[in-house]
Amino acid sequence: MPLSKPANAVPTSRWASRPATPTPGPREDGTPRVVPGVYLLTHEASPQFVKPITVRVIRELADRCTYYDWAWIQVYVLNRNGDAIQRRELFVRPVGLRPVPPPSRSRARSRRRGTAEGDR
């Protein structure tokens, strides 16, 4: 007589090993991988950034085909207070990304507390 499984049994596929995440470091073609963080994108990253923008990188889209030394990334565009104002997918050169500290949030906090001139 076969053994019956309990109703709440976990399928064996649940415990199967998951595919390995890409290792940090260069890809097979030598292009560096993009690590999540806050970056300043200038003309060095792509010709479209004549006016620099600050972004928070969510992830690199490694499944897309790219040219040598280029990568697709998914980002949030940040305003000067560090708030995400837009979500975008960008085609950039990883060597042109400049890491920066996250923007200061002091101005945003004071505005929320009602310390602006019009609130007094």
Protein backbone atom coordinates (compact mmCIF):
# COMPACT_ATOMS: atom_id res chain seq x y z
CA MET A 1 0.00 0.00 0.00
CA PRO A 2 1.54 3.37 -1.05
CA LEU A 3 2.07 6.00 1.62
CA SER A 4 -0.22 8.99 1.31
CA LYS A 5 1.14 12.52 1.55
CA PRO A 6 -0.29 14.92 4.09
CA ALA A 7 -2.41 17.70 2.64
CA ASN A 8 0.14 20.37 3.54
CA ALA A 9 3.20 18.61 2.11
CA VAL A 10 5.76 20.84 0.41
CA PRO A 11 6.54 19.78 -3.18
CA THR A 12 10.09 18.56 -3.73
CA SER A 13 10.56 21.17 -6.47
CA ARG A 14 10.42 23.81 -3.74
CA TRP A 15 13.72 22.60 -2.32
CA ALA A 16 15.52 22.22 -5.65
CA SER A 17 18.54 24.45 -6.01
CA ARG A 18 17.84 27.81 -7.57
CA PRO A 19 19.84 29.15 -10.49
CA ALA A 20 22.96 30.94 -9.37
CA THR A 21 22.85 34.72 -9.40
CA PRO A 22 25.43 36.40 -11.58
CA THR A 23 28.67 36.87 -9.74
CA PRO A 24 29.95 40.40 -9.26
CA GLY A 25 32.83 41.24 -11.50
CA PRO A 26 33.24 41.45 -15.24
CA ARG A 27 31.11 39.58 -17.75
CA GLU A 28 32.56 37.14 -20.26
CA ASP A 29 33.29 40.04 -22.65
CA GLY A 30 35.11 42.02 -19.93
CA THR A 31 32.37 44.63 -19.36
CA PRO A 32 31.95 45.36 -15.63
CA ARG A 33 28.64 44.45 -14.03
CA VAL A 34 26.45 47.18 -12.57
CA VAL A 35 25.95 46.91 -8.81
CA PRO A 36 22.79 48.42 -7.24
CA GLY A 37 23.40 51.81 -5.63
CA VAL A 38 23.15 55.56 -6.24
CA TYR A 39 24.97 56.92 -9.30
CA LEU A 40 25.42 60.15 -11.21
CA LEU A 41 24.87 59.61 -14.93
CA THR A 42 26.73 62.02 -17.19
CA HIS A 43 27.73 62.14 -20.84
CA GLU A 44 30.37 59.48 -20.02
CA ALA A 45 27.60 56.96 -19.29
CA SER A 46 25.61 57.72 -22.43
CA PRO A 47 25.29 60.58 -24.95
CA GLN A 48 21.68 61.12 -23.81
CA PHE A 49 22.83 62.55 -20.46
CA VAL A 50 24.03 65.99 -21.54
CA LYS A 51 22.31 67.22 -18.38
CA PRO A 52 23.43 64.83 -15.58
CA ILE A 53 20.84 62.93 -13.52
CA THR A 54 21.07 61.04 -10.24
CA VAL A 55 19.61 57.52 -10.20
CA ARG A 56 19.23 54.58 -7.85
CA VAL A 57 20.03 51.38 -9.75
CA ILE A 58 17.58 48.57 -9.01
CA ARG A 59 19.20 45.89 -11.15
CA GLU A 60 21.11 45.17 -14.31
CA LEU A 61 19.01 43.54 -17.01
CA ALA A 62 21.49 40.84 -17.95
CA ASP A 63 19.09 38.89 -20.17
CA ARG A 64 19.12 41.57 -22.89
CA CYS A 65 21.60 41.58 -25.75
CA THR A 66 23.89 44.58 -25.76
CA TYR A 67 26.86 45.97 -27.57
CA TYR A 68 30.34 45.47 -26.15
CA ASP A 69 30.91 47.71 -23.07
CA TRP A 70 27.20 48.61 -22.72
CA ALA A 71 24.45 47.37 -20.36
CA TRP A 72 20.73 47.74 -19.75
CA ILE A 73 19.84 48.84 -16.20
CA GLN A 74 16.58 49.44 -14.38
CA VAL A 75 16.64 52.60 -12.22
CA TYR A 76 14.66 55.13 -10.24
CA VAL A 77 15.45 58.73 -11.17
CA LEU A 78 15.99 60.74 -7.96
CA ASN A 79 15.20 64.40 -7.34
CA ARG A 80 17.50 66.62 -5.26
CA ASN A 81 15.81 65.44 -2.04
CA GLY A 82 16.49 61.79 -2.86
CA ASP A 83 12.88 60.92 -3.68
CA ALA A 84 12.20 58.59 -6.61
CA ILE A 85 10.27 60.51 -9.25
CA GLN A 86 10.41 58.15 -12.24
CA ARG A 87 11.23 54.52 -13.06
CA ARG A 88 13.26 53.95 -16.23
CA GLU A 89 15.24 51.37 -18.16
CA LEU A 90 18.47 52.84 -19.51
CA PHE A 91 21.16 51.73 -21.94
CA VAL A 92 24.49 52.87 -20.45
CA ARG A 93 28.22 52.26 -20.33
CA PRO A 94 28.99 50.83 -16.86
CA VAL A 95 32.43 52.50 -16.81
CA GLY A 96 30.69 55.90 -17.05
CA LEU A 97 28.56 55.47 -13.91
CA ARG A 98 29.86 57.62 -11.05
CA PRO A 99 28.92 56.40 -7.53
CA VAL A 100 27.67 59.22 -5.28
CA PRO A 101 26.33 59.34 -1.72
CA PRO A 102 22.53 59.30 -1.48
CA PRO A 103 21.01 62.82 -1.60
CA SER A 104 20.28 64.54 1.72
CA ARG A 105 16.71 64.21 2.98
CA SER A 106 16.81 67.13 5.45
CA ARG A 107 14.80 69.52 3.25
CA ALA A 108 12.06 66.94 2.64
CA ARG A 109 11.62 66.27 6.37
CA SER A 110 11.33 69.96 7.28
CA ARG A 111 8.70 70.46 4.61
CA ARG A 112 6.60 67.56 5.95
CA ARG A 113 6.69 68.90 9.51
CA GLY A 114 5.03 72.11 8.41
CA THR A 115 7.92 74.53 8.94
CA ALA A 116 7.43 76.26 5.61
CA GLU A 117 6.58 79.97 5.57
CA GLY A 118 2.98 79.38 4.49
CA ASP A 119 2.23 77.05 7.43
CA ARG A 120 2.96 79.54 10.21
